[in-house]
PDB file of N, CA and C in Angstrom:
ATOM      1  N   MET A   1     156.065  43.389 129.703  1.00  0.00           N
ATOM      2  CA  MET A   1     155.088  44.056 130.557  1.00  0.00           C
ATOM      3  C   MET A   1     155.812  44.869 131.627  1.00  0.00           C
ATOM      4  N   ILE A   2     155.452  46.099 131.748  1.00  0.00           N
ATOM      5  CA  ILE A   2     156.125  46.959 132.720  1.00  0.00           C
ATOM      6  C   ILE A   2     155.586  46.722 134.127  1.00  0.00           C
ATOM      7  N   ASP A   3     156.462  46.824 135.079  1.00  0.00           N
ATOM      8  CA  ASP A   3     156.071  46.634 136.475  1.00  0.00           C
ATOM      9  C   ASP A   3     155.577  47.971 137.023  1.00  0.00           C
ATOM     10  N   HIS A   4     154.253  48.177 136.992  1.00  0.00           N
ATOM     11  CA  HIS A   4     153.697  49.459 137.423  1.00  0.00           C
ATOM     12  C   HIS A   4     154.005  49.751 138.880  1.00  0.00           C
ATOM     13  N   GLN A   5     153.958  48.728 139.723  1.00  0.00           N
ATOM     14  CA  GLN A   5     154.214  48.947 141.152  1.00  0.00           C
ATOM     15  C   GLN A   5     155.616  49.504 141.379  1.00  0.00           C
ATOM     16  N   PHE A   6     156.555  49.044 140.557  1.00  0.00           N
ATOM     17  CA  PHE A   6     157.921  49.551 140.678  1.00  0.00           C
ATOM     18  C   PHE A   6     157.948  51.062 140.488  1.00  0.00           C
ATOM     19  N   PHE A   7     157.228  51.534 139.442  1.00  0.00           N
ATOM     20  CA  PHE A   7     157.230  52.959 139.158  1.00  0.00           C
ATOM     21  C   PHE A   7     156.375  53.753 140.124  1.00  0.00           C
ATOM     22  N   LEU A   8     155.370  53.110 140.715  1.00  0.00           N
ATOM     23  CA  LEU A   8     154.569  53.824 141.707  1.00  0.00           C
ATOM     24  C   LEU A   8     155.417  54.141 142.935  1.00  0.00           C
ATOM     25  N   GLN A   9     156.416  53.305 143.188  1.00  0.00           N
ATOM     26  CA  GLN A   9     157.272  53.506 144.359  1.00  0.00           C
ATOM     27  C   GLN A   9     158.557  54.245 144.018  1.00  0.00           C
ATOM     28  N   CYS A  10     158.900  54.296 142.758  1.00  0.00           N
ATOM     29  CA  CYS A  10     160.180  54.886 142.362  1.00  0.00           C
ATOM     30  C   CYS A  10     159.997  55.619 141.049  1.00  0.00           C
ATOM     31  N   ASN A  11     160.041  56.938 141.081  1.00  0.00           N
ATOM     32  CA  ASN A  11     159.882  57.668 139.826  1.00  0.00           C
ATOM     33  C   ASN A  11     161.207  57.684 139.067  1.00  0.00           C
ATOM     34  N   ILE A  12     161.258  58.376 137.950  1.00  0.00           N
ATOM     35  CA  ILE A  12     162.439  58.334 137.089  1.00  0.00           C
ATOM     36  C   ILE A  12     163.685  58.837 137.813  1.00  0.00           C
ATOM     37  N   ARG A  13     163.525  59.753 138.738  1.00  0.00           N
ATOM     38  CA  ARG A  13     164.675  60.268 139.482  1.00  0.00           C
ATOM     39  C   ARG A  13     165.087  59.336 140.615  1.00  0.00           C
ATOM     40  N   GLY A  14     164.368  58.239 140.802  1.00  0.00           N
ATOM     41  CA  GLY A  14     164.746  57.264 141.812  1.00  0.00           C
ATOM     42  C   GLY A  14     164.318  57.625 143.211  1.00  0.00           C
ATOM     43  N   ARG A  15     163.438  58.611 143.346  1.00  0.00           N
ATOM     44  CA  ARG A  15     162.980  59.015 144.676  1.00  0.00           C
ATOM     45  C   ARG A  15     161.621  58.386 144.964  1.00  0.00           C
ATOM     46  N   PRO A  16     161.347  58.030 146.204  1.00  0.00           N
ATOM     47  CA  PRO A  16     160.052  57.435 146.528  1.00  0.00           C
ATOM     48  C   PRO A  16     158.910  58.389 146.190  1.00  0.00           C
ATOM     49  N   SER A  17     157.882  57.846 145.591  1.00  0.00           N
ATOM     50  CA  SER A  17     156.711  58.661 145.275  1.00  0.00           C
ATOM     51  C   SER A  17     155.454  57.827 145.513  1.00  0.00           C
ATOM     52  N   PRO A  18     155.183  57.459 146.778  1.00  0.00           N
ATOM     53  CA  PRO A  18     154.078  56.544 147.078  1.00  0.00           C
ATOM     54  C   PRO A  18     152.703  57.128 146.801  1.00  0.00           C
ATOM     55  N   THR A  19     152.607  58.453 146.627  1.00  0.00           N
ATOM     56  CA  THR A  19     151.297  59.063 146.403  1.00  0.00           C
ATOM     57  C   THR A  19     150.911  59.080 144.926  1.00  0.00           C
ATOM     58  N   ASP A  20     151.833  58.702 144.053  1.00  0.00           N
ATOM     59  CA  ASP A  20     151.509  58.681 142.622  1.00  0.00           C
ATOM     60  C   ASP A  20     150.418  57.656 142.345  1.00  0.00           C
ATOM     61  N   ASP A  21     149.468  58.022 141.518  1.00  0.00           N
ATOM     62  CA  ASP A  21     148.490  57.034 141.069  1.00  0.00           C
ATOM     63  C   ASP A  21     148.893  56.549 139.675  1.00  0.00           C
ATOM     64  N   LEU A  22     148.189  55.540 139.190  1.00  0.00           N
ATOM     65  CA  LEU A  22     148.571  54.955 137.912  1.00  0.00           C
ATOM     66  C   LEU A  22     148.436  55.955 136.771  1.00  0.00           C
ATOM     67  N   GLY A  23     147.398  56.787 136.815  1.00  0.00           N
ATOM     68  CA  GLY A  23     147.233  57.809 135.785  1.00  0.00           C
ATOM     69  C   GLY A  23     148.387  58.794 135.787  1.00  0.00           C
ATOM     70  N   GLY A  24     148.800  59.218 136.972  1.00  0.00           N
ATOM     71  CA  GLY A  24     149.932  60.126 137.091  1.00  0.00           C
ATOM     72  C   GLY A  24     151.206  59.480 136.593  1.00  0.00           C
ATOM     73  N   PHE A  25     151.346  58.191 136.919  1.00  0.00           N
ATOM     74  CA  PHE A  25     152.517  57.453 136.451  1.00  0.00           C
ATOM     75  C   PHE A  25     152.558  57.405 134.932  1.00  0.00           C
ATOM     76  N   MET A  26     151.420  57.062 134.313  1.00  0.00           N
ATOM     77  CA  MET A  26     151.404  56.936 132.859  1.00  0.00           C
ATOM     78  C   MET A  26     151.674  58.287 132.193  1.00  0.00           C
ATOM     79  N   ASN A  27     151.132  59.355 132.748  1.00  0.00           N
ATOM     80  CA  ASN A  27     151.386  60.688 132.207  1.00  0.00           C
ATOM     81  C   ASN A  27     152.874  61.018 132.298  1.00  0.00           C
ATOM     82  N   HIS A  28     153.470  60.727 133.455  1.00  0.00           N
ATOM     83  CA  HIS A  28     154.892  60.976 133.656  1.00  0.00           C
ATOM     84  C   HIS A  28     155.703  60.137 132.673  1.00  0.00           C
ATOM     85  N   PHE A  29     155.274  58.880 132.503  1.00  0.00           N
ATOM     86  CA  PHE A  29     156.065  57.997 131.659  1.00  0.00           C
ATOM     87  C   PHE A  29     155.971  58.374 130.193  1.00  0.00           C
ATOM     88  N   VAL A  30     154.801  58.828 129.743  1.00  0.00           N
ATOM     89  CA  VAL A  30     154.666  59.290 128.356  1.00  0.00           C
ATOM     90  C   VAL A  30     155.607  60.465 128.116  1.00  0.00           C
ATOM     91  N   GLN A  31     155.698  61.363 129.082  1.00  0.00           N
ATOM     92  CA  GLN A  31     156.627  62.492 128.954  1.00  0.00           C
ATOM     93  C   GLN A  31     158.060  61.988 128.892  1.00  0.00           C
ATOM     94  N   PHE A  32     158.377  60.985 129.724  1.00  0.00           N
ATOM     95  CA  PHE A  32     159.722  60.419 129.721  1.00  0.00           C
ATOM     96  C   PHE A  32     160.030  59.761 128.373  1.00  0.00           C
ATOM     97  N   GLU A  33     159.049  59.012 127.857  1.00  0.00           N
ATOM     98  CA  GLU A  33     159.246  58.334 126.572  1.00  0.00           C
ATOM     99  C   GLU A  33     159.501  59.347 125.463  1.00  0.00           C
ATOM    100  N   ARG A  34     158.738  60.445 125.456  1.00  0.00           N
ATOM    101  CA  ARG A  34     158.957  61.492 124.450  1.00  0.00           C
ATOM    102  C   ARG A  34     160.346  62.099 124.598  1.00  0.00           C
ATOM    103  N   ALA A  35     160.760  62.304 125.841  1.00  0.00           N
ATOM    104  CA  ALA A  35     162.087  62.870 126.076  1.00  0.00           C
ATOM    105  C   ALA A  35     163.168  61.932 125.560  1.00  0.00           C
ATOM    106  N   VAL A  36     162.990  60.631 125.805  1.00  0.00           N
ATOM    107  CA  VAL A  36     163.966  59.654 125.325  1.00  0.00           C
ATOM    108  C   VAL A  36     164.053  59.692 123.809  1.00  0.00           C
ATOM    109  N   LYS A  37     162.892  59.707 123.154  1.00  0.00           N
ATOM    110  CA  LYS A  37     162.885  59.672 121.694  1.00  0.00           C
ATOM    111  C   LYS A  37     163.412  60.964 121.077  1.00  0.00           C
ATOM    112  N   SER A  38     163.366  62.061 121.824  1.00  0.00           N
ATOM    113  CA  SER A  38     163.856  63.328 121.279  1.00  0.00           C
ATOM    114  C   SER A  38     165.354  63.510 121.505  1.00  0.00           C
ATOM    115  N   MET A  39     165.941  62.668 122.356  1.00  0.00           N
ATOM    116  CA  MET A  39     167.381  62.766 122.593  1.00  0.00           C
ATOM    117  C   MET A  39     168.132  62.201 121.395  1.00  0.00           C
ATOM    118  N   LYS A  40     169.360  62.626 121.233  1.00  0.00           N
ATOM    119  CA  LYS A  40     170.161  62.134 120.116  1.00  0.00           C
ATOM    120  C   LYS A  40     171.269  61.233 120.646  1.00  0.00           C
ATOM    121  N   LEU A  41     171.568  60.204 119.874  1.00  0.00           N
ATOM    122  CA  LEU A  41     172.640  59.294 120.251  1.00  0.00           C
ATOM    123  C   LEU A  41     173.986  59.924 119.914  1.00  0.00           C
ATOM    124  N   PRO A  42     175.001  59.658 120.725  1.00  0.00           N
ATOM    125  CA  PRO A  42     176.343  60.132 120.374  1.00  0.00           C
ATOM    126  C   PRO A  42     176.853  59.394 119.138  1.00  0.00           C
ATOM    127  N   GLY A  43     177.755  60.000 118.427  1.00  0.00           N
ATOM    128  CA  GLY A  43     178.328  59.342 117.263  1.00  0.00           C
ATOM    129  C   GLY A  43     177.544  59.621 116.001  1.00  0.00           C
ATOM    130  N   ASN A  44     176.555  58.777 115.706  1.00  0.00           N
ATOM    131  CA  ASN A  44     175.831  58.929 114.452  1.00  0.00           C
ATOM    132  C   ASN A  44     174.729  59.977 114.521  1.00  0.00           C
ATOM    133  N   ARG A  45     174.438  60.491 115.711  1.00  0.00           N
ATOM    134  CA  ARG A  45     173.476  61.576 115.927  1.00  0.00           C
ATOM    135  C   ARG A  45     172.059  61.239 115.467  1.00  0.00           C
ATOM    136  N   LYS A  46     171.722  59.961 115.399  1.00  0.00           N
ATOM    137  CA  LYS A  46     170.354  59.593 115.045  1.00  0.00           C
ATOM    138  C   LYS A  46     169.438  59.835 116.235  1.00  0.00           C
ATOM    139  N   LYS A  47     168.150  59.955 115.953  1.00  0.00           N
ATOM    140  CA  LYS A  47     167.187  60.095 117.043  1.00  0.00           C
ATOM    141  C   LYS A  47     167.231  58.846 117.916  1.00  0.00           C
ATOM    142  N   ALA A  48     167.008  59.043 119.193  1.00  0.00           N
ATOM    143  CA  ALA A  48     167.133  57.939 120.145  1.00  0.00           C
ATOM    144  C   ALA A  48     165.863  57.106 120.205  1.00  0.00           C
ATOM    145  N   ASN A  49     165.472  56.531 119.081  1.00  0.00           N
ATOM    146  CA  ASN A  49     164.310  55.650 119.080  1.00  0.00           C
ATOM    147  C   ASN A  49     164.708  54.228 118.718  1.00  0.00           C
ATOM    148  N   SER A  50     165.992  53.927 118.816  1.00  0.00           N
ATOM    149  CA  SER A  50     166.490  52.588 118.532  1.00  0.00           C
ATOM    150  C   SER A  50     166.627  51.805 119.834  1.00  0.00           C
ATOM    151  N   PRO A  51     166.763  50.479 119.744  1.00  0.00           N
ATOM    152  CA  PRO A  51     166.916  49.681 120.965  1.00  0.00           C
ATOM    153  C   PRO A  51     168.136  50.069 121.793  1.00  0.00           C
ATOM    154  N   ASN A  52     169.137  50.689 121.156  1.00  0.00           N
ATOM    155  CA  ASN A  52     170.346  51.057 121.890  1.00  0.00           C
ATOM    156  C   ASN A  52     170.222  52.378 122.634  1.00  0.00           C
ATOM    157  N   ALA A  53     169.130  53.112 122.404  1.00  0.00           N
ATOM    158  CA  ALA A  53     169.010  54.457 122.965  1.00  0.00           C
ATOM    159  C   ALA A  53     169.144  54.464 124.476  1.00  0.00           C
ATOM    160  N   LEU A  54     168.408  53.583 125.146  1.00  0.00           N
ATOM    161  CA  LEU A  54     168.435  53.589 126.603  1.00  0.00           C
ATOM    162  C   LEU A  54     169.764  53.089 127.144  1.00  0.00           C
ATOM    163  N   TRP A  55     170.479  52.282 126.341  1.00  0.00           N
ATOM    164  CA  TRP A  55     171.803  51.857 126.775  1.00  0.00           C
ATOM    165  C   TRP A  55     172.724  53.067 126.895  1.00  0.00           C
ATOM    166  N   PHE A  56     172.643  53.971 125.926  1.00  0.00           N
ATOM    167  CA  PHE A  56     173.459  55.181 125.992  1.00  0.00           C
ATOM    168  C   PHE A  56     173.072  56.028 127.198  1.00  0.00           C
ATOM    169  N   ILE A  57     171.760  56.129 127.438  1.00  0.00           N
ATOM    170  CA  ILE A  57     171.295  56.918 128.575  1.00  0.00           C
ATOM    171  C   ILE A  57     171.767  56.281 129.876  1.00  0.00           C
ATOM    172  N   ARG A  58     171.626  54.967 129.970  1.00  0.00           N
ATOM    173  CA  ARG A  58     172.062  54.250 131.171  1.00  0.00           C
ATOM    174  C   ARG A  58     173.555  54.470 131.392  1.00  0.00           C
ATOM    175  N   LYS A  59     174.332  54.381 130.322  1.00  0.00           N
ATOM    176  CA  LYS A  59     175.775  54.582 130.416  1.00  0.00           C
ATOM    177  C   LYS A  59     176.076  55.977 130.962  1.00  0.00           C
ATOM    178  N   GLY A  60     175.321  56.963 130.492  1.00  0.00           N
ATOM    179  CA  GLY A  60     175.502  58.325 130.981  1.00  0.00           C
ATOM    180  C   GLY A  60     175.181  58.453 132.456  1.00  0.00           C
ATOM    181  N   PHE A  61     174.086  57.803 132.890  1.00  0.00           N
ATOM    182  CA  PHE A  61     173.729  57.857 134.302  1.00  0.00           C
ATOM    183  C   PHE A  61     174.793  57.182 135.156  1.00  0.00           C
ATOM    184  N   LEU A  62     175.303  56.039 134.696  1.00  0.00           N
ATOM    185  CA  LEU A  62     176.325  55.338 135.463  1.00  0.00           C
ATOM    186  C   LEU A  62     177.595  56.176 135.547  1.00  0.00           C
ATOM    187  N   LYS A  63     177.926  56.828 134.439  1.00  0.00           N
ATOM    188  CA  LYS A  63     179.121  57.671 134.414  1.00  0.00           C
ATOM    189  C   LYS A  63     178.987  58.814 135.419  1.00  0.00           C
ATOM    190  N   ASN A  64     177.764  59.332 135.551  1.00  0.00           N
ATOM    191  CA  ASN A  64     177.516  60.431 136.478  1.00  0.00           C
ATOM    192  C   ASN A  64     177.242  59.966 137.901  1.00  0.00           C
ATOM    193  N   ARG A  65     177.294  58.644 138.120  1.00  0.00           N
ATOM    194  CA  ARG A  65     177.094  58.061 139.447  1.00  0.00           C
ATOM    195  C   ARG A  65     175.758  58.479 140.064  1.00  0.00           C
ATOM    196  N   GLU A  66     174.707  58.416 139.258  1.00  0.00           N
ATOM    197  CA  GLU A  66     173.373  58.728 139.767  1.00  0.00           C
ATOM    198  C   GLU A  66     172.840  57.547 140.569  1.00  0.00           C
ATOM    199  N   ASP A  67     171.692  57.758 141.187  1.00  0.00           N
ATOM    200  CA  ASP A  67     171.038  56.712 141.963  1.00  0.00           C
ATOM    201  C   ASP A  67     170.834  55.465 141.098  1.00  0.00           C
ATOM    202  N   PRO A  68     171.256  54.290 141.580  1.00  0.00           N
ATOM    203  CA  PRO A  68     171.106  53.073 140.768  1.00  0.00           C
ATOM    204  C   PRO A  68     169.661  52.723 140.439  1.00  0.00           C
ATOM    205  N   LYS A  69     168.701  53.292 141.175  1.00  0.00           N
ATOM    206  CA  LYS A  69     167.296  53.038 140.853  1.00  0.00           C
ATOM    207  C   LYS A  69     166.960  53.566 139.461  1.00  0.00           C
ATOM    208  N   ILE A  70     167.675  54.597 139.026  1.00  0.00           N
ATOM    209  CA  ILE A  70     167.446  55.137 137.686  1.00  0.00           C
ATOM    210  C   ILE A  70     167.753  54.076 136.643  1.00  0.00           C
ATOM    211  N   VAL A  71     168.844  53.353 136.864  1.00  0.00           N
ATOM    212  CA  VAL A  71     169.238  52.317 135.914  1.00  0.00           C
ATOM    213  C   VAL A  71     168.144  51.261 135.816  1.00  0.00           C
ATOM    214  N   ASP A  72     167.622  50.831 136.960  1.00  0.00           N
ATOM    215  CA  ASP A  72     166.535  49.849 136.960  1.00  0.00           C
ATOM    216  C   ASP A  72     165.312  50.407 136.244  1.00  0.00           C
ATOM    217  N   ALA A  73     164.993  51.659 136.520  1.00  0.00           N
ATOM    218  CA  ALA A  73     163.830  52.283 135.890  1.00  0.00           C
ATOM    219  C   ALA A  73     163.991  52.327 134.376  1.00  0.00           C
ATOM    220  N   LEU A  74     165.196  52.622 133.923  1.00  0.00           N
ATOM    221  CA  LEU A  74     165.421  52.700 132.483  1.00  0.00           C
ATOM    222  C   LEU A  74     165.281  51.341 131.810  1.00  0.00           C
ATOM    223  N   PHE A  75     165.709  50.281 132.502  1.00  0.00           N
ATOM    224  CA  PHE A  75     165.543  48.962 131.901  1.00  0.00           C
ATOM    225  C   PHE A  75     164.079  48.558 131.847  1.00  0.00           C
ATOM    226  N   HIS A  76     163.299  48.946 132.849  1.00  0.00           N
ATOM    227  CA  HIS A  76     161.858  48.731 132.786  1.00  0.00           C
ATOM    228  C   HIS A  76     161.269  49.577 131.650  1.00  0.00           C
ATOM    229  N   ALA A  77     161.763  50.797 131.518  1.00  0.00           N
ATOM    230  CA  ALA A  77     161.246  51.714 130.501  1.00  0.00           C
ATOM    231  C   ALA A  77     161.508  51.191 129.099  1.00  0.00           C
ATOM    232  N   GLN A  78     162.610  50.511 128.917  1.00  0.00           N
ATOM    233  CA  GLN A  78     162.973  50.036 127.584  1.00  0.00           C
ATOM    234  C   GLN A  78     161.893  49.121 127.014  1.00  0.00           C
ATOM    235  N   LYS A  79     161.181  48.419 127.879  1.00  0.00           N
ATOM    236  CA  LYS A  79     160.132  47.509 127.413  1.00  0.00           C
ATOM    237  C   LYS A  79     158.993  48.271 126.743  1.00  0.00           C
ATOM    238  N   ILE A  80     158.766  49.521 127.161  1.00  0.00           N
ATOM    239  CA  ILE A  80     157.735  50.343 126.525  1.00  0.00           C
ATOM    240  C   ILE A  80     158.294  51.060 125.305  1.00  0.00           C
ATOM    241  N   VAL A  81     159.501  51.600 125.432  1.00  0.00           N
ATOM    242  CA  VAL A  81     160.074  52.409 124.356  1.00  0.00           C
ATOM    243  C   VAL A  81     160.382  51.564 123.128  1.00  0.00           C
ATOM    244  N   ASP A  82     160.845  50.328 123.329  1.00  0.00           N
ATOM    245  CA  ASP A  82     161.212  49.463 122.195  1.00  0.00           C
ATOM    246  C   ASP A  82     160.018  49.088 121.352  1.00  0.00           C
TER     247      ASP A  82
END
């Protein structure tokens, strides 16, 4: 079960978004899910709809030293994408 309150306070970019409503969140998240599934994994170049897809994305974010909230958001997201 995804923690909706987490996403209401923290969007995918990790910035506070307290004005988001649940409908806006779900719309944003559906777009994010589609983006995840359309990305390709390194190496075997398969579509990123496998359980490992978000691990690759998380690894990329960590490598780029992005806001750690993104990492948390992606782990919450994995529960929907999987």
